[in-house]
Amino acid sequence: MGWFDGFIKRRGGSEAEMSFLEHLEELRWHLIRSLLAIVLIGIVLFLNKSFIFDQVILAPKNPDFWTYRMMCKLGDLLHWKGLCTTEISFTLTNIDLSAPFMIHLQIAFILGLVFMFPYIFWEFWKFIKPALFEGEQKQATGAVWAASILFYAGVLFGYYFIVPFTVNFLGSYQVSAEVKNTINLSSYIDTVTGLSLTCGLVFEFPLLIYFLAKAGLTTHEFLSQYRKMALVVVLVAAAIITPSPDMFSQMLVAVPLYGLFEIGIIISRRVAINNERRRARRNWKPWMSNRGSCLNLC
């Protein structure tokens, strides 16, 4: 059964296969409903400009941001003054007449996408779900919840850990004392939103591994073989994300990212165990049935 051929349209107990154009029409309505949800939430967020920009978007450039305060407390506890950030020496500017309004729209849309992610994923799940067998549907019942929790965990991790380190280092880095850093507003916005959303997608890795393992496209043995390579990639990524020479901040980023890889191995191993048990049950039932027939004949 093909991917599109597997879709079944249920109406009042009757089942009929949908054509390719009918699938496209159904997908179009899923996309329209998702876009409308983003727009509605985006309008609400658009009307709360001061809170969105002053308390959320621009907060990581202020020394009193939660992450900087926690790092200062940790630095005091460890007697390590290098962890504390008391000043961020750059200012934001705008050189484009229409940029503030367009950025306002952009932020409203992006935050609308973030807030409505569970609903958007649910809409796409409704479109994909009929192509799965009944057993696969039951096993993936919590997919929407899992995807939403992982996405929000990634966004929060990126916003509270990766964004502050990146903004602090790159915004304060100077090639010369004669050159003052004046950062363009659009560049700052792209950095904050890009890193946060990227982390949200990266945190979906365990769910991706689950579906790949269910489809037989990866195994825990395969992932285990590349543990060392994954560790190197994570360390390099952490060094790029947090270009500060401080090893502690790099480890703060690297440990959760590598943890996602280990979680993926555990998930793929669990899927393999469940598949083995399922095959064993299928093989056991025919054997018991044949044994019962033999006893009756005897």
C-alpha atoms as a PDB file:
ATOM      1  CA  MET A   1       0.000   0.000   0.000  1.00  0.00           C
ATOM      2  CA  GLY A   2       1.509   3.336  -1.107  1.00  0.00           C
ATOM      3  CA  TRP A   3       1.710   6.429   1.068  1.00  0.00           C
ATOM      4  CA  PHE A   4      -1.125   8.197  -0.713  1.00  0.00           C
ATOM      5  CA  ASP A   5      -3.021   5.007  -1.473  1.00  0.00           C
ATOM      6  CA  GLY A   6      -3.135   4.309   2.251  1.00  0.00           C
ATOM      7  CA  PHE A   7      -5.277   7.338   3.029  1.00  0.00           C
ATOM      8  CA  ILE A   8      -8.876   6.372   3.734  1.00  0.00           C
ATOM      9  CA  LYS A   9     -11.786   8.746   3.961  1.00  0.00           C
ATOM     10  CA  ARG A  10     -14.381   7.669   6.544  1.00  0.00           C
ATOM     11  CA  ARG A  11     -17.888   9.053   6.320  1.00  0.00           C
ATOM     12  CA  GLY A  12     -20.664   7.513   8.355  1.00  0.00           C
ATOM     13  CA  GLY A  13     -19.133   4.045   8.378  1.00  0.00           C
ATOM     14  CA  SER A  14     -18.502   3.868   4.611  1.00  0.00           C
ATOM     15  CA  GLU A  15     -14.902   3.852   3.431  1.00  0.00           C
ATOM     16  CA  ALA A  16     -13.738   5.039   0.047  1.00  0.00           C
ATOM     17  CA  GLU A  17     -10.272   5.600  -1.327  1.00  0.00           C
ATOM     18  CA  MET A  18      -9.467   9.238  -2.042  1.00  0.00           C
ATOM     19  CA  SER A  19      -7.915  10.392  -5.289  1.00  0.00           C
ATOM     20  CA  PHE A  20      -4.678  12.355  -5.507  1.00  0.00           C
ATOM     21  CA  LEU A  21      -6.550  15.648  -6.065  1.00  0.00           C
ATOM     22  CA  GLU A  22      -8.792  14.936  -3.089  1.00  0.00           C
ATOM     23  CA  HIS A  23      -5.688  14.454  -0.942  1.00  0.00           C
ATOM     24  CA  LEU A  24      -4.346  17.790  -2.146  1.00  0.00           C
ATOM     25  CA  GLU A  25      -7.665  19.458  -1.339  1.00  0.00           C
ATOM     26  CA  GLU A  26      -7.677  17.970   2.151  1.00  0.00           C
ATOM     27  CA  LEU A  27      -4.065  19.038   2.703  1.00  0.00           C
ATOM     28  CA  ARG A  28      -4.955  22.545   1.542  1.00  0.00           C
ATOM     29  CA  TRP A  29      -7.642  22.849   4.239  1.00  0.00           C
ATOM     30  CA  HIS A  30      -5.240  21.608   6.903  1.00  0.00           C
ATOM     31  CA  LEU A  31      -2.772  24.298   5.809  1.00  0.00           C
ATOM     32  CA  ILE A  32      -5.474  26.982   5.737  1.00  0.00           C
ATOM     33  CA  ARG A  33      -6.667  26.153   9.261  1.00  0.00           C
ATOM     34  CA  SER A  34      -3.076  26.167  10.534  1.00  0.00           C
ATOM     35  CA  LEU A  35      -2.365  29.520   8.887  1.00  0.00           C
ATOM     36  CA  LEU A  36      -5.570  31.037  10.290  1.00  0.00           C
ATOM     37  CA  ALA A  37      -4.603  29.911  13.788  1.00  0.00           C
ATOM     38  CA  ILE A  38      -1.176  31.529  13.418  1.00  0.00           C
ATOM     39  CA  VAL A  39      -2.714  34.758  12.113  1.00  0.00           C
ATOM     40  CA  LEU A  40      -5.275  34.989  14.938  1.00  0.00           C
ATOM     41  CA  ILE A  41      -2.653  34.496  17.653  1.00  0.00           C
ATOM     42  CA  GLY A  42      -0.296  36.778  15.738  1.00  0.00           C
ATOM     43  CA  ILE A  43      -2.859  39.598  15.840  1.00  0.00           C
ATOM     44  CA  VAL A  44      -3.148  39.270  19.620  1.00  0.00           C
ATOM     45  CA  LEU A  45       0.631  39.341  19.957  1.00  0.00           C
ATOM     46  CA  PHE A  46       0.912  42.245  17.514  1.00  0.00           C
ATOM     47  CA  LEU A  47      -1.291  44.335  19.805  1.00  0.00           C
ATOM     48  CA  ASN A  48       1.046  43.683  22.760  1.00  0.00           C
ATOM     49  CA  LYS A  49       4.138  45.268  21.242  1.00  0.00           C
ATOM     50  CA  SER A  50       5.729  46.602  24.435  1.00  0.00           C
ATOM     51  CA  PHE A  51       5.617  43.279  26.262  1.00  0.00           C
ATOM     52  CA  ILE A  52       6.761  41.230  23.262  1.00  0.00           C
ATOM     53  CA  PHE A  53       9.770  43.401  22.466  1.00  0.00           C
ATOM     54  CA  ASP A  54      10.810  44.866  25.827  1.00  0.00           C
ATOM     55  CA  GLN A  55      10.185  41.776  27.978  1.00  0.00           C
ATOM     56  CA  VAL A  56      10.888  38.952  25.514  1.00  0.00           C
ATOM     57  CA  ILE A  57      12.818  39.776  22.333  1.00  0.00           C
ATOM     58  CA  LEU A  58      15.160  42.458  23.693  1.00  0.00           C
ATOM     59  CA  ALA A  59      15.563  40.915  27.160  1.00  0.00           C
ATOM     60  CA  PRO A  60      18.703  38.821  26.324  1.00  0.00           C
ATOM     61  CA  LYS A  61      20.678  42.024  25.620  1.00  0.00           C
ATOM     62  CA  ASN A  62      20.125  43.346  29.141  1.00  0.00           C
ATOM     63  CA  PRO A  63      22.514  42.360  31.987  1.00  0.00           C
ATOM     64  CA  ASP A  64      19.551  41.699  34.302  1.00  0.00           C
ATOM     65  CA  PHE A  65      18.276  38.884  32.086  1.00  0.00           C
ATOM     66  CA  TRP A  66      17.468  35.692  34.022  1.00  0.00           C
ATOM     67  CA  THR A  67      20.360  33.699  32.537  1.00  0.00           C
ATOM     68  CA  TYR A  68      22.964  36.351  33.388  1.00  0.00           C
ATOM     69  CA  ARG A  69      21.664  36.617  36.948  1.00  0.00           C
ATOM     70  CA  MET A  70      21.794  32.846  37.427  1.00  0.00           C
ATOM     71  CA  MET A  71      25.311  32.702  35.993  1.00  0.00           C
ATOM     72  CA  CYS A  72      26.399  35.458  38.377  1.00  0.00           C
ATOM     73  CA  LYS A  73      25.000  33.511  41.326  1.00  0.00           C
ATOM     74  CA  LEU A  74      26.773  30.388  40.097  1.00  0.00           C
ATOM     75  CA  GLY A  75      29.988  32.373  39.667  1.00  0.00           C
ATOM     76  CA  ASP A  76      29.743  33.652  43.243  1.00  0.00           C
ATOM     77  CA  LEU A  77      29.164  30.103  44.479  1.00  0.00           C
ATOM     78  CA  LEU A  78      32.183  28.759  42.577  1.00  0.00           C
ATOM     79  CA  HIS A  79      34.274  31.913  43.132  1.00  0.00           C
ATOM     80  CA  TRP A  80      34.555  32.269  39.364  1.00  0.00           C
ATOM     81  CA  LYS A  81      33.992  35.883  38.353  1.00  0.00           C
ATOM     82  CA  GLY A  82      34.286  35.082  34.654  1.00  0.00           C
ATOM     83  CA  LEU A  83      30.783  33.562  34.679  1.00  0.00           C
ATOM     84  CA  CYS A  84      29.145  36.845  35.635  1.00  0.00           C
ATOM     85  CA  THR A  85      27.991  39.300  32.979  1.00  0.00           C
ATOM     86  CA  THR A  86      27.467  42.821  34.283  1.00  0.00           C
ATOM     87  CA  GLU A  87      27.646  44.788  31.037  1.00  0.00           C
ATOM     88  CA  ILE A  88      26.789  44.188  27.383  1.00  0.00           C
ATOM     89  CA  SER A  89      28.537  46.844  25.371  1.00  0.00           C
ATOM     90  CA  PHE A  90      26.536  47.232  22.209  1.00  0.00           C
ATOM     91  CA  THR A  91      23.514  49.213  21.112  1.00  0.00           C
ATOM     92  CA  LEU A  92      20.785  48.419  18.630  1.00  0.00           C
ATOM     93  CA  THR A  93      19.978  50.701  15.744  1.00  0.00           C
ATOM     94  CA  ASN A  94      17.687  50.817  12.749  1.00  0.00           C
ATOM     95  CA  ILE A  95      18.641  52.231   9.339  1.00  0.00           C
ATOM     96  CA  ASP A  96      15.596  51.194   7.309  1.00  0.00           C
ATOM     97  CA  LEU A  97      12.398  53.245   7.342  1.00  0.00           C
ATOM     98  CA  SER A  98      10.017  50.292   7.038  1.00  0.00           C
ATOM     99  CA  ALA A  99      12.086  47.822   9.099  1.00  0.00           C
ATOM    100  CA  PRO A 100      10.397  48.388  12.509  1.00  0.00           C
ATOM    101  CA  PHE A 101       6.923  47.684  11.135  1.00  0.00           C
ATOM    102  CA  MET A 102       8.058  44.686   9.090  1.00  0.00           C
ATOM    103  CA  ILE A 103       9.994  43.287  12.050  1.00  0.00           C
ATOM    104  CA  HIS A 104       6.899  43.759  14.202  1.00  0.00           C
ATOM    105  CA  LEU A 105       4.897  41.674  11.725  1.00  0.00           C
ATOM    106  CA  GLN A 106       7.670  39.088  11.509  1.00  0.00           C
ATOM    107  CA  ILE A 107       7.852  38.648  15.283  1.00  0.00           C
ATOM    108  CA  ALA A 108       4.065  38.382  15.583  1.00  0.00           C
ATOM    109  CA  PHE A 109       4.041  35.630  12.946  1.00  0.00           C
ATOM    110  CA  ILE A 110       6.984  33.711  14.442  1.00  0.00           C
ATOM    111  CA  LEU A 111       5.574  33.811  17.975  1.00  0.00           C
ATOM    112  CA  GLY A 112       2.174  32.824  16.593  1.00  0.00           C
ATOM    113  CA  LEU A 113       3.874  29.818  14.989  1.00  0.00           C
ATOM    114  CA  VAL A 114       5.552  28.936  18.298  1.00  0.00           C
ATOM    115  CA  PHE A 115       2.372  29.252  20.364  1.00  0.00           C
ATOM    116  CA  MET A 116       0.266  27.295  17.876  1.00  0.00           C
ATOM    117  CA  PHE A 117       2.832  24.563  17.179  1.00  0.00           C
ATOM    118  CA  PRO A 118       0.763  21.833  18.937  1.00  0.00           C
ATOM    119  CA  TYR A 119      -2.303  22.705  16.861  1.00  0.00           C
ATOM    120  CA  ILE A 120      -0.293  22.863  13.613  1.00  0.00           C
ATOM    121  CA  PHE A 121       1.335  19.514  14.329  1.00  0.00           C
ATOM    122  CA  TRP A 122      -2.098  18.081  15.175  1.00  0.00           C
ATOM    123  CA  GLU A 123      -3.488  19.266  11.820  1.00  0.00           C
ATOM    124  CA  PHE A 124      -0.673  17.564   9.925  1.00  0.00           C
ATOM    125  CA  TRP A 125      -1.047  14.491  12.117  1.00  0.00           C
ATOM    126  CA  LYS A 126      -4.733  14.267  11.138  1.00  0.00           C
ATOM    127  CA  PHE A 127      -3.671  14.328   7.487  1.00  0.00           C
ATOM    128  CA  ILE A 128      -1.003  11.634   7.899  1.00  0.00           C
ATOM    129  CA  LYS A 129      -2.777   9.385  10.410  1.00  0.00           C
ATOM    130  CA  PRO A 130      -5.156   7.607   7.941  1.00  0.00           C
ATOM    131  CA  ALA A 131      -2.115   6.281   6.048  1.00  0.00           C
ATOM    132  CA  LEU A 132      -1.018   4.300   9.116  1.00  0.00           C
ATOM    133  CA  PHE A 133      -2.248   0.883  10.104  1.00  0.00           C
ATOM    134  CA  GLU A 134      -4.454   0.638  13.188  1.00  0.00           C
ATOM    135  CA  GLY A 135      -1.623  -0.732  15.333  1.00  0.00           C
ATOM    136  CA  GLU A 136       0.718   2.068  14.219  1.00  0.00           C
ATOM    137  CA  GLN A 137      -1.928   4.670  15.043  1.00  0.00           C
ATOM    138  CA  LYS A 138      -2.257   3.340  18.601  1.00  0.00           C
ATOM    139  CA  GLN A 139       1.511   3.283  19.113  1.00  0.00           C
ATOM    140  CA  ALA A 140       1.883   6.886  17.909  1.00  0.00           C
ATOM    141  CA  THR A 141      -1.066   8.258  19.896  1.00  0.00           C
ATOM    142  CA  GLY A 142       1.148  10.566  21.965  1.00  0.00           C
ATOM    143  CA  ALA A 143       3.049  11.929  18.960  1.00  0.00           C
ATOM    144  CA  VAL A 144       1.433  15.375  19.171  1.00  0.00           C
ATOM    145  CA  TRP A 145       2.142  15.711  22.890  1.00  0.00           C
ATOM    146  CA  ALA A 146       5.698  14.435  22.535  1.00  0.00           C
ATOM    147  CA  ALA A 147       6.454  16.734  19.593  1.00  0.00           C
ATOM    148  CA  SER A 148       5.006  19.749  21.406  1.00  0.00           C
ATOM    149  CA  ILE A 149       6.898  19.122  24.654  1.00  0.00           C
ATOM    150  CA  LEU A 150      10.186  18.568  22.814  1.00  0.00           C
ATOM    151  CA  PHE A 151       9.684  21.665  20.657  1.00  0.00           C
ATOM    152  CA  TYR A 152       8.930  23.945  23.603  1.00  0.00           C
ATOM    153  CA  ALA A 153      11.831  22.483  25.587  1.00  0.00           C
ATOM    154  CA  GLY A 154      14.134  23.244  22.660  1.00  0.00           C
ATOM    155  CA  VAL A 155      12.838  26.787  22.193  1.00  0.00           C
ATOM    156  CA  LEU A 156      13.236  27.565  25.900  1.00  0.00           C
ATOM    157  CA  PHE A 157      16.705  26.011  25.948  1.00  0.00           C
ATOM    158  CA  GLY A 158      17.743  28.101  22.957  1.00  0.00           C
ATOM    159  CA  TYR A 159      16.218  31.301  24.333  1.00  0.00           C
ATOM    160  CA  TYR A 160      17.594  31.018  27.877  1.00  0.00           C
ATOM    161  CA  PHE A 161      20.991  29.443  27.199  1.00  0.00           C
ATOM    162  CA  ILE A 162      22.195  29.636  23.604  1.00  0.00           C
ATOM    163  CA  VAL A 163      20.840  33.093  22.718  1.00  0.00           C
ATOM    164  CA  PRO A 164      22.310  34.941  25.755  1.00  0.00           C
ATOM    165  CA  PHE A 165      25.802  33.453  25.267  1.00  0.00           C
ATOM    166  CA  THR A 166      25.751  34.216  21.541  1.00  0.00           C
ATOM    167  CA  VAL A 167      24.376  37.745  21.947  1.00  0.00           C
ATOM    168  CA  ASN A 168      26.793  38.550  24.763  1.00  0.00           C
ATOM    169  CA  PHE A 169      29.890  37.302  22.963  1.00  0.00           C
ATOM    170  CA  LEU A 170      29.193  38.486  19.419  1.00  0.00           C
ATOM    171  CA  GLY A 171      27.645  41.778  20.550  1.00  0.00           C
ATOM    172  CA  SER A 172      30.593  42.592  22.807  1.00  0.00           C
ATOM    173  CA  TYR A 173      33.353  41.346  20.505  1.00  0.00           C
ATOM    174  CA  GLN A 174      35.500  44.177  19.141  1.00  0.00           C
ATOM    175  CA  VAL A 175      38.291  44.116  16.584  1.00  0.00           C
ATOM    176  CA  SER A 176      39.568  47.431  17.926  1.00  0.00           C
ATOM    177  CA  ALA A 177      38.779  49.892  20.716  1.00  0.00           C
ATOM    178  CA  GLU A 178      38.314  52.479  17.961  1.00  0.00           C
ATOM    179  CA  VAL A 179      35.321  50.575  16.552  1.00  0.00           C
ATOM    180  CA  LYS A 180      32.088  50.700  18.532  1.00  0.00           C
ATOM    181  CA  ASN A 181      29.514  47.964  18.049  1.00  0.00           C
ATOM    182  CA  THR A 182      26.189  49.261  16.777  1.00  0.00           C
ATOM    183  CA  ILE A 183      24.099  46.256  15.791  1.00  0.00           C
ATOM    184  CA  ASN A 184      21.319  46.473  13.238  1.00  0.00           C
ATOM    185  CA  LEU A 185      17.928  45.587  14.717  1.00  0.00           C
ATOM    186  CA  SER A 186      17.086  43.068  11.987  1.00  0.00           C
ATOM    187  CA  SER A 187      20.389  41.235  12.574  1.00  0.00           C
ATOM    188  CA  TYR A 188      19.662  40.931  16.283  1.00  0.00           C
ATOM    189  CA  ILE A 189      16.091  39.736  15.660  1.00  0.00           C
ATOM    190  CA  ASP A 190      17.242  37.112  13.154  1.00  0.00           C
ATOM    191  CA  THR A 191      19.809  35.806  15.651  1.00  0.00           C
ATOM    192  CA  VAL A 192      17.350  35.503  18.546  1.00  0.00           C
ATOM    193  CA  THR A 193      14.512  33.922  16.565  1.00  0.00           C
ATOM    194  CA  GLY A 194      16.765  31.769  14.388  1.00  0.00           C
ATOM    195  CA  LEU A 195      18.645  30.189  17.289  1.00  0.00           C
ATOM    196  CA  SER A 196      15.490  29.620  19.349  1.00  0.00           C
ATOM    197  CA  LEU A 197      13.540  27.992  16.505  1.00  0.00           C
ATOM    198  CA  THR A 198      16.547  25.912  15.428  1.00  0.00           C
ATOM    199  CA  CYS A 199      16.882  24.524  18.948  1.00  0.00           C
ATOM    200  CA  GLY A 200      13.162  23.739  18.949  1.00  0.00           C
ATOM    201  CA  LEU A 201      13.597  21.665  15.796  1.00  0.00           C
ATOM    202  CA  VAL A 202      16.820  20.014  17.027  1.00  0.00           C
ATOM    203  CA  PHE A 203      15.010  18.832  20.152  1.00  0.00           C
ATOM    204  CA  GLU A 204      12.644  16.858  17.912  1.00  0.00           C
ATOM    205  CA  PHE A 205      15.527  14.436  17.275  1.00  0.00           C
ATOM    206  CA  PRO A 206      14.235  11.711  19.674  1.00  0.00           C
ATOM    207  CA  LEU A 207      10.829  11.742  17.965  1.00  0.00           C
ATOM    208  CA  LEU A 208      12.500  11.540  14.552  1.00  0.00           C
ATOM    209  CA  ILE A 209      14.546   8.556  15.722  1.00  0.00           C
ATOM    210  CA  TYR A 210      11.358   6.887  16.974  1.00  0.00           C
ATOM    211  CA  PHE A 211       9.659   7.084  13.572  1.00  0.00           C
ATOM    212  CA  LEU A 212      12.842   6.058  11.721  1.00  0.00           C
ATOM    213  CA  ALA A 213      13.217   3.060  14.027  1.00  0.00           C
ATOM    214  CA  LYS A 214       9.560   2.110  13.533  1.00  0.00           C
ATOM    215  CA  ALA A 215      10.092   2.276   9.774  1.00  0.00           C
ATOM    216  CA  GLY A 216      13.228   0.130  10.066  1.00  0.00           C
ATOM    217  CA  LEU A 217      15.481   2.878   8.696  1.00  0.00           C
ATOM    218  CA  THR A 218      17.756   3.004  11.751  1.00  0.00           C
ATOM    219  CA  THR A 219      18.705   0.808  14.699  1.00  0.00           C
ATOM    220  CA  HIS A 220      20.316   1.322  18.075  1.00  0.00           C
ATOM    221  CA  GLU A 221      23.346  -0.668  16.878  1.00  0.00           C
ATOM    222  CA  PHE A 222      23.832   1.770  13.996  1.00  0.00           C
ATOM    223  CA  LEU A 223      23.521   4.813  16.275  1.00  0.00           C
ATOM    224  CA  SER A 224      25.829   3.300  18.888  1.00  0.00           C
ATOM    225  CA  GLN A 225      28.575   2.875  16.286  1.00  0.00           C
ATOM    226  CA  TYR A 226      28.637   6.631  15.735  1.00  0.00           C
ATOM    227  CA  ARG A 227      28.703   7.720  19.390  1.00  0.00           C
ATOM    228  CA  LYS A 228      32.221   9.158  19.156  1.00  0.00           C
ATOM    229  CA  MET A 229      31.446  10.971  15.930  1.00  0.00           C
ATOM    230  CA  ALA A 230      28.239  12.378  17.439  1.00  0.00           C
ATOM    231  CA  LEU A 231      30.190  13.634  20.462  1.00  0.00           C
ATOM    232  CA  VAL A 232      32.700  15.414  18.226  1.00  0.00           C
ATOM    233  CA  VAL A 233      29.906  16.993  16.166  1.00  0.00           C
ATOM    234  CA  VAL A 234      28.116  18.155  19.324  1.00  0.00           C
ATOM    235  CA  LEU A 235      31.297  19.691  20.768  1.00  0.00           C
ATOM    236  CA  VAL A 236      32.023  21.505  17.511  1.00  0.00           C
ATOM    237  CA  ALA A 237      28.425  22.735  17.335  1.00  0.00           C
ATOM    238  CA  ALA A 238      28.609  23.917  20.954  1.00  0.00           C
ATOM    239  CA  ALA A 239      31.852  25.773  20.210  1.00  0.00           C
ATOM    240  CA  ILE A 240      30.194  27.501  17.244  1.00  0.00           C
ATOM    241  CA  ILE A 241      26.967  28.297  19.087  1.00  0.00           C
ATOM    242  CA  THR A 242      28.797  29.630  22.140  1.00  0.00           C
ATOM    243  CA  PRO A 243      31.986  31.125  20.698  1.00  0.00           C
ATOM    244  CA  SER A 244      33.039  32.263  24.163  1.00  0.00           C
ATOM    245  CA  PRO A 245      36.379  30.796  25.344  1.00  0.00           C
ATOM    246  CA  ASP A 246      34.601  29.814  28.566  1.00  0.00           C
ATOM    247  CA  MET A 247      34.528  25.990  28.614  1.00  0.00           C
ATOM    248  CA  PHE A 248      31.693  25.924  31.137  1.00  0.00           C
ATOM    249  CA  SER A 249      29.211  27.625  28.797  1.00  0.00           C
ATOM    250  CA  GLN A 250      30.203  25.253  25.988  1.00  0.00           C
ATOM    251  CA  MET A 251      29.542  22.236  28.192  1.00  0.00           C
ATOM    252  CA  LEU A 252      26.230  23.780  29.254  1.00  0.00           C
ATOM    253  CA  VAL A 253      25.173  23.600  25.620  1.00  0.00           C
ATOM    254  CA  ALA A 254      26.945  20.379  24.616  1.00  0.00           C
ATOM    255  CA  VAL A 255      25.610  18.135  27.405  1.00  0.00           C
ATOM    256  CA  PRO A 256      21.871  18.547  26.559  1.00  0.00           C
ATOM    257  CA  LEU A 257      22.551  18.193  22.826  1.00  0.00           C
ATOM    258  CA  TYR A 258      24.516  14.984  23.296  1.00  0.00           C
ATOM    259  CA  GLY A 259      21.840  13.816  25.729  1.00  0.00           C
ATOM    260  CA  LEU A 260      19.344  13.959  22.855  1.00  0.00           C
ATOM    261  CA  PHE A 261      21.533  11.535  20.900  1.00  0.00           C
ATOM    262  CA  GLU A 262      21.670   9.105  23.820  1.00  0.00           C
ATOM    263  CA  ILE A 263      17.903   9.367  24.249  1.00  0.00           C
ATOM    264  CA  GLY A 264      17.577   8.501  20.561  1.00  0.00           C
ATOM    265  CA  ILE A 265      19.638   5.331  21.125  1.00  0.00           C
ATOM    266  CA  ILE A 266      17.454   4.336  24.075  1.00  0.00           C
ATOM    267  CA  ILE A 267      14.285   4.935  22.047  1.00  0.00           C
ATOM    268  CA  SER A 268      15.524   2.925  19.057  1.00  0.00           C
ATOM    269  CA  ARG A 269      16.523   0.063  21.374  1.00  0.00           C
ATOM    270  CA  ARG A 270      13.085   0.125  22.983  1.00  0.00           C
ATOM    271  CA  VAL A 271      11.411   0.043  19.573  1.00  0.00           C
ATOM    272  CA  ALA A 272      13.547  -2.963  18.586  1.00  0.00           C
ATOM    273  CA  ILE A 273      12.581  -4.807  21.796  1.00  0.00           C
ATOM    274  CA  ASN A 274       8.878  -4.121  21.207  1.00  0.00           C
ATOM    275  CA  ASN A 275       9.155  -5.322  17.612  1.00  0.00           C
ATOM    276  CA  GLU A 276      10.822  -8.554  18.760  1.00  0.00           C
ATOM    277  CA  ARG A 277       8.072  -9.172  21.330  1.00  0.00           C
ATOM    278  CA  ARG A 278       5.408  -8.510  18.722  1.00  0.00           C
ATOM    279  CA  ARG A 279       6.973 -10.974  16.288  1.00  0.00           C
ATOM    280  CA  ALA A 280       7.290 -13.558  19.052  1.00  0.00           C
ATOM    281  CA  ARG A 281       3.567 -13.224  19.886  1.00  0.00           C
ATOM    282  CA  ARG A 282       2.624 -13.622  16.229  1.00  0.00           C
ATOM    283  CA  ASN A 283       4.749 -16.761  15.948  1.00  0.00           C
ATOM    284  CA  TRP A 284       3.405 -18.150  19.242  1.00  0.00           C
ATOM    285  CA  LYS A 285      -0.288 -17.949  18.329  1.00  0.00           C
ATOM    286  CA  PRO A 286      -0.128 -20.110  15.164  1.00  0.00           C
ATOM    287  CA  TRP A 287       1.958 -22.680  17.066  1.00  0.00           C
ATOM    288  CA  MET A 288      -0.624 -22.881  19.841  1.00  0.00           C
ATOM    289  CA  SER A 289      -3.404 -23.153  17.262  1.00  0.00           C
ATOM    290  CA  ASN A 290      -1.665 -26.032  15.465  1.00  0.00           C
ATOM    291  CA  ARG A 291      -0.982 -27.766  18.769  1.00  0.00           C
ATOM    292  CA  GLY A 292      -4.687 -27.557  19.700  1.00  0.00           C
ATOM    293  CA  SER A 293      -5.660 -29.078  16.361  1.00  0.00           C
ATOM    294  CA  CYS A 294      -3.225 -31.927  16.895  1.00  0.00           C
ATOM    295  CA  LEU A 295      -4.624 -32.682  20.331  1.00  0.00           C
ATOM    296  CA  ASN A 296      -8.188 -32.789  18.973  1.00  0.00           C
ATOM    297  CA  LEU A 297      -7.196 -35.223  16.253  1.00  0.00           C
ATOM    298  CA  CYS A 298      -5.411 -37.447  18.734  1.00  0.00           C
END
